Amino acid sequence: MDDAREFWIFADESVQDGELFSKFFGGCIVPAHRHAEIESRLAERKEALGFGKELKWQRVTDQRLADYQRMITSFFDELRADRVRMRVVFQDNLNVRRRSPEELRHEPYYKLYYQFIKHAFGLAHMPEREEGTRLRLFLDRLPHTEEHTAQFKSYLAALPLNAQLRDKRLKLDLSHIAEVDSRAHVLLQCVDIVLGAMAFRFNEKQLIRPPGTNRRGKRTIAKEKLYKHVLAEIRTLKPHFHPKISTACEPFPEGSWSMPYRHWLFKPRS
């Protein structure tokens, strides 16, 4: 994977205002020249499992649990083969100061999304190439105004000028930062499942019971089982992985780039 001349990052966001944990962002990075084969392989697996619609965490049911588990295993097969690497960032609400409604509406979302792209994939520790490395970003459709979105993209396009990344000769043109429909990208759909599973379990949604009953719903139980399956897949890559803390770099600091899967518990300085 490290010998690629161009990398593509696919990124998505999940729960932004959870009761216990918020601001979930997730994404995967792939070598550009291998993207088509990876997407094709995952799409074939998805079709073989009988999924006619987009894979989404919100669509997980008891009846389709086994198929979702098989699909996630196929996704992690790509990580185990070092064809794909995935990253997740989130915040513990205890670390977040109170903000005004206007601050909460836009600024923290884009600030953390920017930090996620800049740091989570370990771009500062990617292999150096004399001719530089090209980067393209594919972001699931952004939820805010065109003005805020355009400003966000302009900040991302300036990443190669950052002091931490300048030596990497990173090439990222504004025209190569695209909003995409996740229905057309199975990789993004798999990211959605993993990200949704983490947001679900971190916010203790597995404990929810329908009003007037002491029993959990079948869908809630199925989602908890899928979360456990995702966790088991991650632990094939890092046996002592703890989901709610930042994953240690192994080796340090190059592991921030080379490790197949990592979590980042973001803690604001203020």
C-alpha atoms as a PDB file:
ATOM      1  CA  MET A   1       0.000   0.000   0.000  1.00  0.00           C
ATOM      2  CA  ASP A   2       2.824   2.400   0.872  1.00  0.00           C
ATOM      3  CA  ASP A   3       4.234   2.505  -2.670  1.00  0.00           C
ATOM      4  CA  ALA A   4       1.123   4.177  -4.144  1.00  0.00           C
ATOM      5  CA  ARG A   5       1.469   7.518  -5.915  1.00  0.00           C
ATOM      6  CA  GLU A   6      -2.076   8.593  -5.036  1.00  0.00           C
ATOM      7  CA  PHE A   7      -4.410   7.907  -2.125  1.00  0.00           C
ATOM      8  CA  TRP A   8      -8.151   8.364  -1.791  1.00  0.00           C
ATOM      9  CA  ILE A   9      -9.864   9.079   1.523  1.00  0.00           C
ATOM     10  CA  PHE A  10     -13.565   8.299   1.962  1.00  0.00           C
ATOM     11  CA  ALA A  11     -15.058   9.981   5.038  1.00  0.00           C
ATOM     12  CA  ASP A  12     -18.412  10.102   6.808  1.00  0.00           C
ATOM     13  CA  GLU A  13     -19.922  11.395  10.025  1.00  0.00           C
ATOM     14  CA  SER A  14     -22.373   9.862  12.475  1.00  0.00           C
ATOM     15  CA  VAL A  15     -23.930  10.915  15.794  1.00  0.00           C
ATOM     16  CA  GLN A  16     -23.041  14.560  16.472  1.00  0.00           C
ATOM     17  CA  ASP A  17     -24.953  15.078  19.728  1.00  0.00           C
ATOM     18  CA  GLY A  18     -24.979  11.794  21.637  1.00  0.00           C
ATOM     19  CA  GLU A  19     -25.845  11.707  25.320  1.00  0.00           C
ATOM     20  CA  LEU A  20     -22.395  10.461  26.387  1.00  0.00           C
ATOM     21  CA  PHE A  21     -20.193  10.632  23.264  1.00  0.00           C
ATOM     22  CA  SER A  22     -20.548  12.936  20.269  1.00  0.00           C
ATOM     23  CA  LYS A  23     -18.928  14.163  17.037  1.00  0.00           C
ATOM     24  CA  PHE A  24     -18.237  10.786  15.437  1.00  0.00           C
ATOM     25  CA  PHE A  25     -16.250  10.910  12.199  1.00  0.00           C
ATOM     26  CA  GLY A  26     -14.940   7.893  10.344  1.00  0.00           C
ATOM     27  CA  GLY A  27     -13.130   7.172   7.125  1.00  0.00           C
ATOM     28  CA  CYS A  28     -10.895   4.862   5.180  1.00  0.00           C
ATOM     29  CA  ILE A  29      -7.885   5.453   2.966  1.00  0.00           C
ATOM     30  CA  VAL A  30      -7.071   3.351  -0.110  1.00  0.00           C
ATOM     31  CA  PRO A  31      -4.445   3.468  -2.853  1.00  0.00           C
ATOM     32  CA  ALA A  32      -6.095   5.022  -5.907  1.00  0.00           C
ATOM     33  CA  HIS A  33      -4.937   2.280  -8.256  1.00  0.00           C
ATOM     34  CA  ARG A  34      -6.585  -0.403  -6.081  1.00  0.00           C
ATOM     35  CA  HIS A  35      -9.875   1.338  -5.394  1.00  0.00           C
ATOM     36  CA  ALA A  36     -11.807  -0.171  -8.320  1.00  0.00           C
ATOM     37  CA  GLU A  37     -10.907  -3.757  -7.431  1.00  0.00           C
ATOM     38  CA  ILE A  38     -11.734  -3.210  -3.750  1.00  0.00           C
ATOM     39  CA  GLU A  39     -15.100  -1.632  -4.527  1.00  0.00           C
ATOM     40  CA  SER A  40     -15.868  -4.378  -7.031  1.00  0.00           C
ATOM     41  CA  ARG A  41     -15.026  -7.122  -4.558  1.00  0.00           C
ATOM     42  CA  LEU A  42     -17.164  -5.589  -1.809  1.00  0.00           C
ATOM     43  CA  ALA A  43     -20.028  -4.878  -4.218  1.00  0.00           C
ATOM     44  CA  GLU A  44     -20.014  -8.510  -5.372  1.00  0.00           C
ATOM     45  CA  ARG A  45     -20.071  -9.660  -1.758  1.00  0.00           C
ATOM     46  CA  LYS A  46     -22.934  -7.310  -0.993  1.00  0.00           C
ATOM     47  CA  GLU A  47     -24.926  -8.610  -3.960  1.00  0.00           C
ATOM     48  CA  ALA A  48     -24.194 -12.245  -3.052  1.00  0.00           C
ATOM     49  CA  LEU A  49     -25.605 -11.596   0.417  1.00  0.00           C
ATOM     50  CA  GLY A  50     -28.819 -10.276  -1.112  1.00  0.00           C
ATOM     51  CA  PHE A  51     -28.540  -6.616  -0.182  1.00  0.00           C
ATOM     52  CA  GLY A  52     -30.546  -4.670  -2.737  1.00  0.00           C
ATOM     53  CA  LYS A  53     -30.287  -1.334  -0.943  1.00  0.00           C
ATOM     54  CA  GLU A  54     -27.576   0.723   0.705  1.00  0.00           C
ATOM     55  CA  LEU A  55     -25.915  -0.794   3.756  1.00  0.00           C
ATOM     56  CA  LYS A  56     -26.736   1.426   6.714  1.00  0.00           C
ATOM     57  CA  TRP A  57     -26.480   1.081  10.461  1.00  0.00           C
ATOM     58  CA  GLN A  58     -30.062   2.295  10.780  1.00  0.00           C
ATOM     59  CA  ARG A  59     -31.252  -0.625   8.616  1.00  0.00           C
ATOM     60  CA  VAL A  60     -29.727  -3.392  10.750  1.00  0.00           C
ATOM     61  CA  THR A  61     -32.402  -5.883  11.793  1.00  0.00           C
ATOM     62  CA  ASP A  62     -32.547  -9.247  13.500  1.00  0.00           C
ATOM     63  CA  GLN A  63     -33.393 -10.900  10.162  1.00  0.00           C
ATOM     64  CA  ARG A  64     -30.330  -9.442   8.371  1.00  0.00           C
ATOM     65  CA  LEU A  65     -27.864  -9.588  11.261  1.00  0.00           C
ATOM     66  CA  ALA A  66     -25.880 -12.570   9.942  1.00  0.00           C
ATOM     67  CA  ASP A  67     -25.565 -10.957   6.506  1.00  0.00           C
ATOM     68  CA  TYR A  68     -24.334  -7.683   8.009  1.00  0.00           C
ATOM     69  CA  GLN A  69     -21.796  -9.645  10.042  1.00  0.00           C
ATOM     70  CA  ARG A  70     -20.541 -11.418   6.910  1.00  0.00           C
ATOM     71  CA  MET A  71     -20.313  -8.103   5.075  1.00  0.00           C
ATOM     72  CA  ILE A  72     -18.281  -6.530   7.860  1.00  0.00           C
ATOM     73  CA  THR A  73     -15.946  -9.521   7.863  1.00  0.00           C
ATOM     74  CA  SER A  74     -15.370  -8.964   4.138  1.00  0.00           C
ATOM     75  CA  PHE A  75     -14.588  -5.308   4.814  1.00  0.00           C
ATOM     76  CA  PHE A  76     -12.088  -6.227   7.522  1.00  0.00           C
ATOM     77  CA  ASP A  77     -10.523  -8.770   5.157  1.00  0.00           C
ATOM     78  CA  GLU A  78      -9.467  -5.736   3.115  1.00  0.00           C
ATOM     79  CA  LEU A  79      -7.904  -4.176   6.222  1.00  0.00           C
ATOM     80  CA  ARG A  80      -6.140  -7.415   7.130  1.00  0.00           C
ATOM     81  CA  ALA A  81      -4.672  -7.536   3.630  1.00  0.00           C
ATOM     82  CA  ASP A  82      -3.472  -3.904   4.026  1.00  0.00           C
ATOM     83  CA  ARG A  83      -5.518  -2.768   1.053  1.00  0.00           C
ATOM     84  CA  VAL A  84      -7.620  -0.419   3.216  1.00  0.00           C
ATOM     85  CA  ARG A  85      -6.977   1.443   6.479  1.00  0.00           C
ATOM     86  CA  MET A  86      -9.726   2.887   8.685  1.00  0.00           C
ATOM     87  CA  ARG A  87      -9.828   5.646  11.298  1.00  0.00           C
ATOM     88  CA  VAL A  88     -12.481   6.875  13.762  1.00  0.00           C
ATOM     89  CA  VAL A  89     -12.552  10.050  15.877  1.00  0.00           C
ATOM     90  CA  PHE A  90     -15.060  10.990  18.579  1.00  0.00           C
ATOM     91  CA  GLN A  91     -15.455  13.159  21.670  1.00  0.00           C
ATOM     92  CA  ASP A  92     -16.361  12.293  25.238  1.00  0.00           C
ATOM     93  CA  ASN A  93     -18.976  14.863  26.246  1.00  0.00           C
ATOM     94  CA  LEU A  94     -17.202  15.323  29.581  1.00  0.00           C
ATOM     95  CA  ASN A  95     -14.319  16.931  27.665  1.00  0.00           C
ATOM     96  CA  VAL A  96     -16.468  19.439  25.787  1.00  0.00           C
ATOM     97  CA  ARG A  97     -17.137  22.875  27.256  1.00  0.00           C
ATOM     98  CA  ARG A  98     -20.589  24.400  26.905  1.00  0.00           C
ATOM     99  CA  ARG A  99     -21.037  26.337  23.679  1.00  0.00           C
ATOM    100  CA  SER A 100     -23.606  28.727  22.307  1.00  0.00           C
ATOM    101  CA  PRO A 101     -26.276  27.380  19.913  1.00  0.00           C
ATOM    102  CA  GLU A 102     -24.530  29.142  16.996  1.00  0.00           C
ATOM    103  CA  GLU A 103     -21.159  27.579  17.859  1.00  0.00           C
ATOM    104  CA  LEU A 104     -22.737  24.169  18.108  1.00  0.00           C
ATOM    105  CA  ARG A 105     -24.447  24.577  14.747  1.00  0.00           C
ATOM    106  CA  HIS A 106     -21.346  24.850  12.551  1.00  0.00           C
ATOM    107  CA  GLU A 107     -17.910  25.599  13.979  1.00  0.00           C
ATOM    108  CA  PRO A 108     -17.110  22.470  16.060  1.00  0.00           C
ATOM    109  CA  TYR A 109     -18.400  20.179  13.286  1.00  0.00           C
ATOM    110  CA  TYR A 110     -16.069  21.489  10.619  1.00  0.00           C
ATOM    111  CA  LYS A 111     -13.145  22.098  12.984  1.00  0.00           C
ATOM    112  CA  LEU A 112     -13.153  18.495  14.147  1.00  0.00           C
ATOM    113  CA  TYR A 113     -13.764  17.164  10.631  1.00  0.00           C
ATOM    114  CA  TYR A 114     -10.695  19.132   9.484  1.00  0.00           C
ATOM    115  CA  GLN A 115      -8.587  17.763  12.345  1.00  0.00           C
ATOM    116  CA  PHE A 116      -9.787  14.269  11.507  1.00  0.00           C
ATOM    117  CA  ILE A 117      -8.642  14.485   7.888  1.00  0.00           C
ATOM    118  CA  LYS A 118      -5.371  16.199   8.820  1.00  0.00           C
ATOM    119  CA  HIS A 119      -4.257  13.948  11.671  1.00  0.00           C
ATOM    120  CA  ALA A 120      -6.200  10.680  11.951  1.00  0.00           C
ATOM    121  CA  PHE A 121      -4.742   9.049   8.833  1.00  0.00           C
ATOM    122  CA  GLY A 122      -1.166   9.856   9.816  1.00  0.00           C
ATOM    123  CA  LEU A 123      -0.441  11.825   6.643  1.00  0.00           C
ATOM    124  CA  ALA A 124       2.562  13.441   8.328  1.00  0.00           C
ATOM    125  CA  HIS A 125       4.169   9.994   8.539  1.00  0.00           C
ATOM    126  CA  MET A 126       3.369   8.660   5.088  1.00  0.00           C
ATOM    127  CA  PRO A 127       6.360   7.573   2.952  1.00  0.00           C
ATOM    128  CA  GLU A 128       8.161  10.435   1.234  1.00  0.00           C
ATOM    129  CA  ARG A 129       8.191  10.440  -2.552  1.00  0.00           C
ATOM    130  CA  GLU A 130      10.509  12.700  -4.531  1.00  0.00           C
ATOM    131  CA  GLU A 131       7.701  13.490  -6.961  1.00  0.00           C
ATOM    132  CA  GLY A 132       5.159  13.907  -4.147  1.00  0.00           C
ATOM    133  CA  THR A 133       1.925  12.072  -3.372  1.00  0.00           C
ATOM    134  CA  ARG A 134      -1.507  13.005  -4.656  1.00  0.00           C
ATOM    135  CA  LEU A 135      -4.544  12.948  -2.367  1.00  0.00           C
ATOM    136  CA  ARG A 136      -8.250  13.005  -3.163  1.00  0.00           C
ATOM    137  CA  LEU A 137     -11.084  13.346  -0.662  1.00  0.00           C
ATOM    138  CA  PHE A 138     -14.561  11.859  -1.069  1.00  0.00           C
ATOM    139  CA  LEU A 139     -16.883  13.143   1.650  1.00  0.00           C
ATOM    140  CA  ASP A 140     -20.395  11.859   2.243  1.00  0.00           C
ATOM    141  CA  ARG A 141     -22.788  14.730   1.566  1.00  0.00           C
ATOM    142  CA  LEU A 142     -22.185  17.580   4.004  1.00  0.00           C
ATOM    143  CA  PRO A 143     -25.225  18.766   5.972  1.00  0.00           C
ATOM    144  CA  HIS A 144     -24.565  22.511   6.185  1.00  0.00           C
ATOM    145  CA  THR A 145     -24.869  25.576   3.967  1.00  0.00           C
ATOM    146  CA  GLU A 146     -22.921  26.047   0.744  1.00  0.00           C
ATOM    147  CA  GLU A 147     -21.005  28.913   2.358  1.00  0.00           C
ATOM    148  CA  HIS A 148     -19.773  26.821   5.290  1.00  0.00           C
ATOM    149  CA  THR A 149     -19.066  23.844   3.030  1.00  0.00           C
ATOM    150  CA  ALA A 150     -17.030  25.932   0.559  1.00  0.00           C
ATOM    151  CA  GLN A 151     -14.956  27.411   3.389  1.00  0.00           C
ATOM    152  CA  PHE A 152     -14.342  23.956   4.830  1.00  0.00           C
ATOM    153  CA  LYS A 153     -13.163  22.609   1.467  1.00  0.00           C
ATOM    154  CA  SER A 154     -10.815  25.570   1.007  1.00  0.00           C
ATOM    155  CA  TYR A 155      -9.189  24.798   4.355  1.00  0.00           C
ATOM    156  CA  LEU A 156      -8.761  21.167   3.349  1.00  0.00           C
ATOM    157  CA  ALA A 157      -7.236  22.172   0.006  1.00  0.00           C
ATOM    158  CA  ALA A 158      -4.593  24.158   1.912  1.00  0.00           C
ATOM    159  CA  LEU A 159      -3.409  21.091   3.862  1.00  0.00           C
ATOM    160  CA  PRO A 160      -0.272  20.623   1.704  1.00  0.00           C
ATOM    161  CA  LEU A 161       0.913  24.037   2.917  1.00  0.00           C
ATOM    162  CA  ASN A 162       0.763  22.979   6.555  1.00  0.00           C
ATOM    163  CA  ALA A 163       4.177  22.846   8.237  1.00  0.00           C
ATOM    164  CA  GLN A 164       3.613  19.250   9.381  1.00  0.00           C
ATOM    165  CA  LEU A 165       2.831  18.068   5.849  1.00  0.00           C
ATOM    166  CA  ARG A 166       5.014  20.286   3.664  1.00  0.00           C
ATOM    167  CA  ASP A 167       7.923  17.831   3.534  1.00  0.00           C
ATOM    168  CA  LYS A 168       5.617  15.140   2.141  1.00  0.00           C
ATOM    169  CA  ARG A 169       5.023  17.126  -1.063  1.00  0.00           C
ATOM    170  CA  LEU A 170       1.335  16.374  -0.750  1.00  0.00           C
ATOM    171  CA  LYS A 171      -0.805  17.384  -3.727  1.00  0.00           C
ATOM    172  CA  LEU A 172      -4.458  18.179  -3.025  1.00  0.00           C
ATOM    173  CA  ASP A 173      -6.413  20.327  -5.437  1.00  0.00           C
ATOM    174  CA  LEU A 174      -9.717  21.929  -4.473  1.00  0.00           C
ATOM    175  CA  SER A 175     -11.348  20.167  -7.428  1.00  0.00           C
ATOM    176  CA  HIS A 176     -10.316  16.844  -5.897  1.00  0.00           C
ATOM    177  CA  ILE A 177     -12.451  17.367  -2.773  1.00  0.00           C
ATOM    178  CA  ALA A 178     -15.863  15.978  -3.655  1.00  0.00           C
ATOM    179  CA  GLU A 179     -19.154  15.356  -1.927  1.00  0.00           C
ATOM    180  CA  VAL A 180     -20.491  11.956  -2.919  1.00  0.00           C
ATOM    181  CA  ASP A 181     -23.586   9.824  -2.444  1.00  0.00           C
ATOM    182  CA  SER A 182     -22.762   6.869  -0.199  1.00  0.00           C
ATOM    183  CA  ARG A 183     -25.219   4.729  -2.169  1.00  0.00           C
ATOM    184  CA  ALA A 184     -22.588   4.576  -4.913  1.00  0.00           C
ATOM    185  CA  HIS A 185     -19.678   3.616  -2.637  1.00  0.00           C
ATOM    186  CA  VAL A 186     -19.707   0.349  -0.690  1.00  0.00           C
ATOM    187  CA  LEU A 187     -16.588   1.449   1.199  1.00  0.00           C
ATOM    188  CA  LEU A 188     -18.517   4.391   2.639  1.00  0.00           C
ATOM    189  CA  GLN A 189     -21.384   2.073   3.528  1.00  0.00           C
ATOM    190  CA  CYS A 190     -19.024  -0.179   5.475  1.00  0.00           C
ATOM    191  CA  VAL A 191     -17.597   2.861   7.253  1.00  0.00           C
ATOM    192  CA  ASP A 192     -21.172   3.821   8.188  1.00  0.00           C
ATOM    193  CA  ILE A 193     -21.741   0.410   9.808  1.00  0.00           C
ATOM    194  CA  VAL A 194     -18.547   0.539  11.878  1.00  0.00           C
ATOM    195  CA  LEU A 195     -19.099   4.166  12.852  1.00  0.00           C
ATOM    196  CA  GLY A 196     -22.747   3.559  13.726  1.00  0.00           C
ATOM    197  CA  ALA A 197     -21.813   0.572  15.860  1.00  0.00           C
ATOM    198  CA  MET A 198     -19.389   2.658  17.902  1.00  0.00           C
ATOM    199  CA  ALA A 199     -21.811   5.552  18.385  1.00  0.00           C
ATOM    200  CA  PHE A 200     -24.533   3.068  19.388  1.00  0.00           C
ATOM    201  CA  ARG A 201     -22.483   1.276  22.038  1.00  0.00           C
ATOM    202  CA  PHE A 202     -20.643   4.334  23.381  1.00  0.00           C
ATOM    203  CA  ASN A 203     -23.982   6.029  24.061  1.00  0.00           C
ATOM    204  CA  GLU A 204     -25.374   2.853  25.677  1.00  0.00           C
ATOM    205  CA  LYS A 205     -28.183   2.454  23.173  1.00  0.00           C
ATOM    206  CA  GLN A 206     -28.011  -1.302  23.774  1.00  0.00           C
ATOM    207  CA  LEU A 207     -29.844  -0.692  27.083  1.00  0.00           C
ATOM    208  CA  ILE A 208     -32.894   0.957  25.523  1.00  0.00           C
ATOM    209  CA  ARG A 209     -36.224  -0.734  26.155  1.00  0.00           C
ATOM    210  CA  PRO A 210     -39.535   0.192  24.510  1.00  0.00           C
ATOM    211  CA  PRO A 211     -41.911   2.133  26.792  1.00  0.00           C
ATOM    212  CA  GLY A 212     -44.025  -0.134  28.967  1.00  0.00           C
ATOM    213  CA  THR A 213     -41.817  -3.211  28.685  1.00  0.00           C
ATOM    214  CA  ASN A 214     -38.780  -4.663  30.439  1.00  0.00           C
ATOM    215  CA  ARG A 215     -37.531  -6.354  27.296  1.00  0.00           C
ATOM    216  CA  ARG A 216     -35.224  -4.904  24.687  1.00  0.00           C
ATOM    217  CA  GLY A 217     -36.379  -4.856  21.111  1.00  0.00           C
ATOM    218  CA  LYS A 218     -35.066  -7.391  18.590  1.00  0.00           C
ATOM    219  CA  ARG A 219     -33.388  -4.666  16.551  1.00  0.00           C
ATOM    220  CA  THR A 220     -31.565  -3.337  19.622  1.00  0.00           C
ATOM    221  CA  ILE A 221     -30.295  -6.817  20.445  1.00  0.00           C
ATOM    222  CA  ALA A 222     -29.225  -7.347  16.829  1.00  0.00           C
ATOM    223  CA  LYS A 223     -27.305  -4.062  16.806  1.00  0.00           C
ATOM    224  CA  GLU A 224     -25.497  -4.980  20.010  1.00  0.00           C
ATOM    225  CA  LYS A 225     -24.490  -8.301  18.453  1.00  0.00           C
ATOM    226  CA  LEU A 226     -23.236  -6.516  15.349  1.00  0.00           C
ATOM    227  CA  TYR A 227     -21.200  -4.116  17.502  1.00  0.00           C
ATOM    228  CA  LYS A 228     -19.591  -7.106  19.240  1.00  0.00           C
ATOM    229  CA  HIS A 229     -18.830  -8.615  15.849  1.00  0.00           C
ATOM    230  CA  VAL A 230     -17.169  -5.380  14.698  1.00  0.00           C
ATOM    231  CA  LEU A 231     -15.135  -5.274  17.912  1.00  0.00           C
ATOM    232  CA  ALA A 232     -14.031  -8.886  17.418  1.00  0.00           C
ATOM    233  CA  GLU A 233     -12.906  -8.050  13.859  1.00  0.00           C
ATOM    234  CA  ILE A 234     -10.884  -5.062  15.107  1.00  0.00           C
ATOM    235  CA  ARG A 235      -9.212  -7.256  17.697  1.00  0.00           C
ATOM    236  CA  THR A 236      -7.947  -9.590  14.975  1.00  0.00           C
ATOM    237  CA  LEU A 237      -5.798  -6.581  14.020  1.00  0.00           C
ATOM    238  CA  LYS A 238      -5.025  -5.337  17.544  1.00  0.00           C
ATOM    239  CA  PRO A 239      -5.830  -7.945  20.238  1.00  0.00           C
ATOM    240  CA  HIS A 240      -5.923  -5.563  23.225  1.00  0.00           C
ATOM    241  CA  PHE A 241      -7.841  -2.821  21.447  1.00  0.00           C
ATOM    242  CA  HIS A 242      -9.918  -0.584  23.754  1.00  0.00           C
ATOM    243  CA  PRO A 243     -12.620   1.231  21.751  1.00  0.00           C
ATOM    244  CA  LYS A 244     -13.145   4.263  23.997  1.00  0.00           C
ATOM    245  CA  ILE A 245      -9.534   5.462  24.152  1.00  0.00           C
ATOM    246  CA  SER A 246      -7.030   6.601  21.545  1.00  0.00           C
ATOM    247  CA  THR A 247      -5.222   3.673  19.962  1.00  0.00           C
ATOM    248  CA  ALA A 248      -1.497   3.700  20.695  1.00  0.00           C
ATOM    249  CA  CYS A 249       0.765   3.974  17.638  1.00  0.00           C
ATOM    250  CA  GLU A 250       2.720   0.809  16.947  1.00  0.00           C
ATOM    251  CA  PRO A 251       5.430   1.625  16.052  1.00  0.00           C
ATOM    252  CA  PHE A 252       5.478   5.241  17.191  1.00  0.00           C
ATOM    253  CA  PRO A 253       4.977   7.587  15.398  1.00  0.00           C
ATOM    254  CA  GLU A 254       4.854   5.805  12.020  1.00  0.00           C
ATOM    255  CA  GLY A 255       1.978   3.639  13.213  1.00  0.00           C
ATOM    256  CA  SER A 256      -0.391   6.572  12.881  1.00  0.00           C
ATOM    257  CA  TRP A 257      -0.017   6.016   9.127  1.00  0.00           C
ATOM    258  CA  SER A 258       0.644   2.278   8.844  1.00  0.00           C
ATOM    259  CA  MET A 259      -1.743   0.695  11.354  1.00  0.00           C
ATOM    260  CA  PRO A 260      -4.839  -0.809   9.694  1.00  0.00           C
ATOM    261  CA  TYR A 261      -7.336   0.515  12.261  1.00  0.00           C
ATOM    262  CA  ARG A 262      -7.197   3.238  14.916  1.00  0.00           C
ATOM    263  CA  HIS A 263      -9.474   5.245  17.225  1.00  0.00           C
ATOM    264  CA  TRP A 264      -8.829   8.812  18.315  1.00  0.00           C
ATOM    265  CA  LEU A 265     -10.534  10.251  21.401  1.00  0.00           C
ATOM    266  CA  PHE A 266     -10.326  13.949  20.625  1.00  0.00           C
ATOM    267  CA  LYS A 267      -9.735  16.223  23.624  1.00  0.00           C
ATOM    268  CA  PRO A 268      -9.993  19.981  22.997  1.00  0.00           C
ATOM    269  CA  ARG A 269      -7.268  22.084  24.530  1.00  0.00           C
ATOM    270  CA  SER A 270      -9.756  24.619  25.871  1.00  0.00           C
END
